[in-house]
PDB file of N, CA and C in Angstrom:
ATOM      1  N   MET A   1     -32.202  38.198  37.862  1.00  0.00           N
ATOM      2  CA  MET A   1     -31.546  37.371  36.872  1.00  0.00           C
ATOM      3  C   MET A   1     -30.082  37.767  36.697  1.00  0.00           C
ATOM      4  N   ASN A   2     -29.816  39.078  36.609  1.00  0.00           N
ATOM      5  CA  ASN A   2     -28.438  39.538  36.437  1.00  0.00           C
ATOM      6  C   ASN A   2     -27.562  39.182  37.625  1.00  0.00           C
ATOM      7  N   LYS A   3     -28.130  39.264  38.824  1.00  0.00           N
ATOM      8  CA  LYS A   3     -27.368  38.946  40.022  1.00  0.00           C
ATOM      9  C   LYS A   3     -26.993  37.471  40.039  1.00  0.00           C
ATOM     10  N   LYS A   4     -27.932  36.608  39.646  1.00  0.00           N
ATOM     11  CA  LYS A   4     -27.662  35.175  39.589  1.00  0.00           C
ATOM     12  C   LYS A   4     -26.619  34.878  38.525  1.00  0.00           C
ATOM     13  N   LEU A   5     -26.733  35.536  37.376  1.00  0.00           N
ATOM     14  CA  LEU A   5     -25.771  35.343  36.298  1.00  0.00           C
ATOM     15  C   LEU A   5     -24.387  35.834  36.703  1.00  0.00           C
ATOM     16  N   SER A   6     -24.322  36.951  37.385  1.00  0.00           N
ATOM     17  CA  SER A   6     -23.024  37.480  37.788  1.00  0.00           C
ATOM     18  C   SER A   6     -22.369  36.587  38.849  1.00  0.00           C
ATOM     19  N   ARG A   7     -23.167  35.981  39.717  1.00  0.00           N
ATOM     20  CA  ARG A   7     -22.603  35.045  40.701  1.00  0.00           C
ATOM     21  C   ARG A   7     -22.045  33.810  40.006  1.00  0.00           C
ATOM     22  N   LYS A   8     -22.775  33.327  39.008  1.00  0.00           N
ATOM     23  CA  LYS A   8     -22.309  32.162  38.255  1.00  0.00           C
ATOM     24  C   LYS A   8     -21.022  32.502  37.511  1.00  0.00           C
ATOM     25  N   THR A   9     -20.971  33.674  36.906  1.00  0.00           N
ATOM     26  CA  THR A   9     -19.773  34.106  36.193  1.00  0.00           C
ATOM     27  C   THR A   9     -18.592  34.234  37.146  1.00  0.00           C
ATOM     28  N   LEU A  10     -18.826  34.806  38.300  1.00  0.00           N
ATOM     29  CA  LEU A  10     -17.771  34.953  39.299  1.00  0.00           C
ATOM     30  C   LEU A  10     -17.275  33.586  39.762  1.00  0.00           C
ATOM     31  N   ALA A  11     -18.195  32.656  39.966  1.00  0.00           N
ATOM     32  CA  ALA A  11     -17.808  31.301  40.381  1.00  0.00           C
ATOM     33  C   ALA A  11     -16.945  30.633  39.314  1.00  0.00           C
ATOM     34  N   ILE A  12     -17.301  30.802  38.047  1.00  0.00           N
ATOM     35  CA  ILE A  12     -16.518  30.214  36.953  1.00  0.00           C
ATOM     36  C   ILE A  12     -15.127  30.829  36.908  1.00  0.00           C
ATOM     37  N   ILE A  13     -15.033  32.118  37.117  1.00  0.00           N
ATOM     38  CA  ILE A  13     -13.722  32.786  37.110  1.00  0.00           C
ATOM     39  C   ILE A  13     -12.852  32.270  38.253  1.00  0.00           C
ATOM     40  N   ILE A  14     -13.439  32.110  39.427  1.00  0.00           N
ATOM     41  CA  ILE A  14     -12.684  31.608  40.582  1.00  0.00           C
ATOM     42  C   ILE A  14     -12.219  30.176  40.338  1.00  0.00           C
ATOM     43  N   ILE A  15     -13.110  29.344  39.808  1.00  0.00           N
ATOM     44  CA  ILE A  15     -12.746  27.960  39.506  1.00  0.00           C
ATOM     45  C   ILE A  15     -11.634  27.922  38.465  1.00  0.00           C
ATOM     46  N   ARG A  16     -11.738  28.762  37.454  1.00  0.00           N
ATOM     47  CA  ARG A  16     -10.716  28.831  36.390  1.00  0.00           C
ATOM     48  C   ARG A  16      -9.348  29.180  36.961  1.00  0.00           C
ATOM     49  N   GLU A  17      -9.304  30.200  37.803  1.00  0.00           N
ATOM     50  CA  GLU A  17      -8.037  30.624  38.390  1.00  0.00           C
ATOM     51  C   GLU A  17      -7.447  29.548  39.310  1.00  0.00           C
ATOM     52  N   LYS A  18      -8.298  28.933  40.108  1.00  0.00           N
ATOM     53  CA  LYS A  18      -7.840  27.880  41.028  1.00  0.00           C
ATOM     54  C   LYS A  18      -7.331  26.667  40.253  1.00  0.00           C
ATOM     55  N   LEU A  19      -8.062  26.280  39.197  1.00  0.00           N
ATOM     56  CA  LEU A  19      -7.620  25.155  38.365  1.00  0.00           C
ATOM     57  C   LEU A  19      -6.266  25.444  37.735  1.00  0.00           C
ATOM     58  N   ALA A  20      -6.106  26.627  37.183  1.00  0.00           N
ATOM     59  CA  ALA A  20      -4.839  26.989  36.547  1.00  0.00           C
ATOM     60  C   ALA A  20      -3.700  26.988  37.558  1.00  0.00           C
ATOM     61  N   SER A  21      -3.966  27.504  38.738  1.00  0.00           N
ATOM     62  CA  SER A  21      -2.945  27.534  39.778  1.00  0.00           C
ATOM     63  C   SER A  21      -2.550  26.124  40.206  1.00  0.00           C
ATOM     64  N   ASP A  22      -3.541  25.270  40.450  1.00  0.00           N
ATOM     65  CA  ASP A  22      -3.262  23.895  40.861  1.00  0.00           C
ATOM     66  C   ASP A  22      -2.526  23.122  39.780  1.00  0.00           C
ATOM     67  N   LEU A  23      -2.972  23.268  38.535  1.00  0.00           N
ATOM     68  CA  LEU A  23      -2.321  22.544  37.440  1.00  0.00           C
ATOM     69  C   LEU A  23      -0.887  23.012  37.222  1.00  0.00           C
ATOM     70  N   SER A  24      -0.668  24.310  37.328  1.00  0.00           N
ATOM     71  CA  SER A  24       0.691  24.810  37.129  1.00  0.00           C
ATOM     72  C   SER A  24       1.629  24.304  38.216  1.00  0.00           C
ATOM     73  N   GLU A  25       1.138  24.125  39.423  1.00  0.00           N
ATOM     74  CA  GLU A  25       1.960  23.591  40.505  1.00  0.00           C
ATOM     75  C   GLU A  25       2.170  22.080  40.368  1.00  0.00           C
ATOM     76  N   GLU A  26       1.104  21.347  40.066  1.00  0.00           N
ATOM     77  CA  GLU A  26       1.179  19.888  40.031  1.00  0.00           C
ATOM     78  C   GLU A  26       1.928  19.358  38.813  1.00  0.00           C
ATOM     79  N   ILE A  27       1.787  20.021  37.683  1.00  0.00           N
ATOM     80  CA  ILE A  27       2.402  19.524  36.453  1.00  0.00           C
ATOM     81  C   ILE A  27       3.648  20.328  36.096  1.00  0.00           C
ATOM     82  N   SER A  28       3.954  21.334  36.855  1.00  0.00           N
ATOM     83  CA  SER A  28       5.114  22.202  36.613  1.00  0.00           C
ATOM     84  C   SER A  28       5.039  22.859  35.247  1.00  0.00           C
ATOM     85  N   MET A  29       3.898  23.469  34.993  1.00  0.00           N
ATOM     86  CA  MET A  29       3.752  24.205  33.746  1.00  0.00           C
ATOM     87  C   MET A  29       3.540  25.680  34.055  1.00  0.00           C
ATOM     88  N   ASN A  30       3.774  26.488  33.063  1.00  0.00           N
ATOM     89  CA  ASN A  30       3.618  27.920  33.184  1.00  0.00           C
ATOM     90  C   ASN A  30       2.153  28.259  33.480  1.00  0.00           C
ATOM     91  N   LYS A  31       1.908  29.279  34.299  1.00  0.00           N
ATOM     92  CA  LYS A  31       0.538  29.655  34.670  1.00  0.00           C
ATOM     93  C   LYS A  31      -0.273  30.081  33.444  1.00  0.00           C
ATOM     94  N   GLU A  32       0.344  30.796  32.511  1.00  0.00           N
ATOM     95  CA  GLU A  32      -0.373  31.226  31.311  1.00  0.00           C
ATOM     96  C   GLU A  32      -0.766  30.025  30.452  1.00  0.00           C
ATOM     97  N   GLU A  33       0.128  29.035  30.372  1.00  0.00           N
ATOM     98  CA  GLU A  33      -0.197  27.821  29.627  1.00  0.00           C
ATOM     99  C   GLU A  33      -1.327  27.061  30.305  1.00  0.00           C
ATOM    100  N   ALA A  34      -1.288  27.018  31.616  1.00  0.00           N
ATOM    101  CA  ALA A  34      -2.349  26.344  32.367  1.00  0.00           C
ATOM    102  C   ALA A  34      -3.689  27.043  32.150  1.00  0.00           C
ATOM    103  N   LEU A  35      -3.670  28.366  32.117  1.00  0.00           N
ATOM    104  CA  LEU A  35      -4.907  29.106  31.852  1.00  0.00           C
ATOM    105  C   LEU A  35      -5.454  28.788  30.466  1.00  0.00           C
ATOM    106  N   GLU A  36      -4.568  28.667  29.480  1.00  0.00           N
ATOM    107  CA  GLU A  36      -5.009  28.324  28.127  1.00  0.00           C
ATOM    108  C   GLU A  36      -5.644  26.941  28.087  1.00  0.00           C
ATOM    109  N   VAL A  37      -5.025  25.979  28.764  1.00  0.00           N
ATOM    110  CA  VAL A  37      -5.570  24.620  28.801  1.00  0.00           C
ATOM    111  C   VAL A  37      -6.915  24.603  29.512  1.00  0.00           C
ATOM    112  N   VAL A  38      -7.008  25.311  30.622  1.00  0.00           N
ATOM    113  CA  VAL A  38      -8.270  25.354  31.367  1.00  0.00           C
ATOM    114  C   VAL A  38      -9.358  26.024  30.529  1.00  0.00           C
ATOM    115  N   ASP A  39      -9.026  27.123  29.875  1.00  0.00           N
ATOM    116  CA  ASP A  39     -10.011  27.803  29.029  1.00  0.00           C
ATOM    117  C   ASP A  39     -10.496  26.878  27.916  1.00  0.00           C
ATOM    118  N   PHE A  40      -9.562  26.188  27.282  1.00  0.00           N
ATOM    119  CA  PHE A  40      -9.930  25.274  26.209  1.00  0.00           C
ATOM    120  C   PHE A  40     -10.815  24.149  26.720  1.00  0.00           C
ATOM    121  N   SER A  41     -10.456  23.576  27.838  1.00  0.00           N
ATOM    122  CA  SER A  41     -11.237  22.462  28.372  1.00  0.00           C
ATOM    123  C   SER A  41     -12.611  22.914  28.861  1.00  0.00           C
ATOM    124  N   LEU A  42     -12.710  24.123  29.395  1.00  0.00           N
ATOM    125  CA  LEU A  42     -14.014  24.620  29.828  1.00  0.00           C
ATOM    126  C   LEU A  42     -14.929  24.889  28.634  1.00  0.00           C
ATOM    127  N   GLN A  43     -14.349  25.205  27.485  1.00  0.00           N
ATOM    128  CA  GLN A  43     -15.158  25.387  26.283  1.00  0.00           C
ATOM    129  C   GLN A  43     -15.730  24.067  25.793  1.00  0.00           C
ATOM    130  N   LEU A  44     -15.029  22.972  26.054  1.00  0.00           N
ATOM    131  CA  LEU A  44     -15.472  21.660  25.588  1.00  0.00           C
ATOM    132  C   LEU A  44     -16.488  20.993  26.502  1.00  0.00           C
ATOM    133  N   VAL A  45     -16.644  21.506  27.702  1.00  0.00           N
ATOM    134  CA  VAL A  45     -17.511  20.874  28.693  1.00  0.00           C
ATOM    135  C   VAL A  45     -18.978  21.119  28.341  1.00  0.00           C
ATOM    136  N   ASP A  46     -19.724  20.013  28.169  1.00  0.00           N
ATOM    137  CA  ASP A  46     -21.170  20.132  27.955  1.00  0.00           C
ATOM    138  C   ASP A  46     -21.884  20.261  29.291  1.00  0.00           C
ATOM    139  N   GLU A  47     -21.509  19.391  30.224  1.00  0.00           N
ATOM    140  CA  GLU A  47     -22.049  19.425  31.577  1.00  0.00           C
ATOM    141  C   GLU A  47     -20.896  19.609  32.550  1.00  0.00           C
ATOM    142  N   TRP A  48     -21.147  20.398  33.582  1.00  0.00           N
ATOM    143  CA  TRP A  48     -20.113  20.570  34.589  1.00  0.00           C
ATOM    144  C   TRP A  48     -19.964  19.284  35.384  1.00  0.00           C
ATOM    145  N   PRO A  49     -18.724  18.868  35.633  1.00  0.00           N
ATOM    146  CA  PRO A  49     -18.511  17.684  36.486  1.00  0.00           C
ATOM    147  C   PRO A  49     -19.076  17.914  37.886  1.00  0.00           C
ATOM    148  N   ILE A  50     -19.239  16.834  38.587  1.00  0.00           N
ATOM    149  CA  ILE A  50     -19.860  16.884  39.909  1.00  0.00           C
ATOM    150  C   ILE A  50     -19.009  17.668  40.904  1.00  0.00           C
ATOM    151  N   SER A  51     -17.699  17.519  40.815  1.00  0.00           N
ATOM    152  CA  SER A  51     -16.844  18.174  41.799  1.00  0.00           C
ATOM    153  C   SER A  51     -15.639  18.830  41.125  1.00  0.00           C
ATOM    154  N   TYR A  52     -15.010  19.693  41.889  1.00  0.00           N
ATOM    155  CA  TYR A  52     -13.798  20.366  41.429  1.00  0.00           C
ATOM    156  C   TYR A  52     -12.699  19.338  41.146  1.00  0.00           C
ATOM    157  N   GLN A  53     -12.568  18.355  42.031  1.00  0.00           N
ATOM    158  CA  GLN A  53     -11.531  17.323  41.863  1.00  0.00           C
ATOM    159  C   GLN A  53     -11.743  16.531  40.585  1.00  0.00           C
ATOM    160  N   GLN A  54     -12.992  16.237  40.253  1.00  0.00           N
ATOM    161  CA  GLN A  54     -13.282  15.498  39.029  1.00  0.00           C
ATOM    162  C   GLN A  54     -12.900  16.333  37.803  1.00  0.00           C
ATOM    163  N   LEU A  55     -13.223  17.600  37.813  1.00  0.00           N
ATOM    164  CA  LEU A  55     -12.864  18.489  36.711  1.00  0.00           C
ATOM    165  C   LEU A  55     -11.353  18.569  36.561  1.00  0.00           C
ATOM    166  N   LYS A  56     -10.657  18.716  37.683  1.00  0.00           N
ATOM    167  CA  LYS A  56      -9.201  18.802  37.649  1.00  0.00           C
ATOM    168  C   LYS A  56      -8.578  17.508  37.140  1.00  0.00           C
ATOM    169  N   SER A  57      -9.087  16.372  37.564  1.00  0.00           N
ATOM    170  CA  SER A  57      -8.525  15.098  37.114  1.00  0.00           C
ATOM    171  C   SER A  57      -8.801  14.866  35.632  1.00  0.00           C
ATOM    172  N   GLU A  58      -9.940  15.316  35.124  1.00  0.00           N
ATOM    173  CA  GLU A  58     -10.228  15.188  33.705  1.00  0.00           C
ATOM    174  C   GLU A  58      -9.286  16.051  32.872  1.00  0.00           C
ATOM    175  N   ILE A  59      -8.991  17.241  33.344  1.00  0.00           N
ATOM    176  CA  ILE A  59      -8.065  18.121  32.625  1.00  0.00           C
ATOM    177  C   ILE A  59      -6.654  17.530  32.658  1.00  0.00           C
ATOM    178  N   LYS A  60      -6.243  17.008  33.810  1.00  0.00           N
ATOM    179  CA  LYS A  60      -4.921  16.381  33.905  1.00  0.00           C
ATOM    180  C   LYS A  60      -4.831  15.167  32.987  1.00  0.00           C
ATOM    181  N   ALA A  61      -5.888  14.376  32.905  1.00  0.00           N
ATOM    182  CA  ALA A  61      -5.895  13.217  32.009  1.00  0.00           C
ATOM    183  C   ALA A  61      -5.776  13.671  30.563  1.00  0.00           C
ATOM    184  N   TYR A  62      -6.459  14.734  30.202  1.00  0.00           N
ATOM    185  CA  TYR A  62      -6.371  15.290  28.848  1.00  0.00           C
ATOM    186  C   TYR A  62      -4.938  15.721  28.530  1.00  0.00           C
ATOM    187  N   ILE A  63      -4.297  16.395  29.470  1.00  0.00           N
ATOM    188  CA  ILE A  63      -2.919  16.853  29.269  1.00  0.00           C
ATOM    189  C   ILE A  63      -1.981  15.656  29.123  1.00  0.00           C
ATOM    190  N   ILE A  64      -2.123  14.672  29.972  1.00  0.00           N
ATOM    191  CA  ILE A  64      -1.242  13.501  29.936  1.00  0.00           C
ATOM    192  C   ILE A  64      -1.419  12.718  28.638  1.00  0.00           C
ATOM    193  N   ILE A  65      -2.657  12.544  28.208  1.00  0.00           N
ATOM    194  CA  ILE A  65      -2.907  11.833  26.951  1.00  0.00           C
ATOM    195  C   ILE A  65      -2.266  12.569  25.786  1.00  0.00           C
ATOM    196  N   ASN A  66      -2.381  13.880  25.765  1.00  0.00           N
ATOM    197  CA  ASN A  66      -1.766  14.659  24.690  1.00  0.00           C
ATOM    198  C   ASN A  66      -0.250  14.611  24.750  1.00  0.00           C
ATOM    199  N   MET A  67       0.314  14.594  25.947  1.00  0.00           N
ATOM    200  CA  MET A  67       1.768  14.498  26.079  1.00  0.00           C
ATOM    201  C   MET A  67       2.260  13.153  25.534  1.00  0.00           C
ATOM    202  N   PHE A  68       1.575  12.064  25.903  1.00  0.00           N
ATOM    203  CA  PHE A  68       1.969  10.742  25.407  1.00  0.00           C
ATOM    204  C   PHE A  68       1.808  10.633  23.894  1.00  0.00           C
ATOM    205  N   SER A  69       0.759  11.235  23.353  1.00  0.00           N
ATOM    206  CA  SER A  69       0.586  11.174  21.906  1.00  0.00           C
ATOM    207  C   SER A  69       1.680  11.931  21.184  1.00  0.00           C
ATOM    208  N   LEU A  70       2.115  13.055  21.762  1.00  0.00           N
ATOM    209  CA  LEU A  70       3.231  13.799  21.160  1.00  0.00           C
ATOM    210  C   LEU A  70       4.536  13.024  21.256  1.00  0.00           C
ATOM    211  N   ILE A  71       4.753  12.372  22.385  1.00  0.00           N
ATOM    212  CA  ILE A  71       5.975  11.578  22.562  1.00  0.00           C
ATOM    213  C   ILE A  71       6.030  10.445  21.562  1.00  0.00           C
ATOM    214  N   THR A  72       4.932   9.714  21.425  1.00  0.00           N
ATOM    215  CA  THR A  72       4.920   8.584  20.503  1.00  0.00           C
ATOM    216  C   THR A  72       4.931   9.026  19.047  1.00  0.00           C
ATOM    217  N   LYS A  73       4.404  10.206  18.779  1.00  0.00           N
ATOM    218  CA  LYS A  73       4.386  10.718  17.402  1.00  0.00           C
ATOM    219  C   LYS A  73       5.795  11.015  16.900  1.00  0.00           C
ATOM    220  N   PHE A  74       6.657  11.490  17.771  1.00  0.00           N
ATOM    221  CA  PHE A  74       7.997  11.893  17.356  1.00  0.00           C
ATOM    222  C   PHE A  74       9.051  10.826  17.565  1.00  0.00           C
ATOM    223  N   GLN A  75       8.646   9.616  17.918  1.00  0.00           N
ATOM    224  CA  GLN A  75       9.631   8.547  18.067  1.00  0.00           C
ATOM    225  C   GLN A  75       9.670   7.679  16.846  1.00  0.00           C
TER     226      GLN A  75
END
């Protein structure tokens, strides 16, 4: 059981780091900020998306929606 749990934990850590790296490159944001966004979004996930690309696109959509809401809020 511990070995299976540790593999799952390791997989989540690798996915987290890869997501943060990809998001920081694609959106031109700081790596630490990307890690915070990824951590927050992973806490909200009830079910894991089917693929890495789907998870990444959902996080990017979340970021874009929040950016637009901030832009419209201050205009």
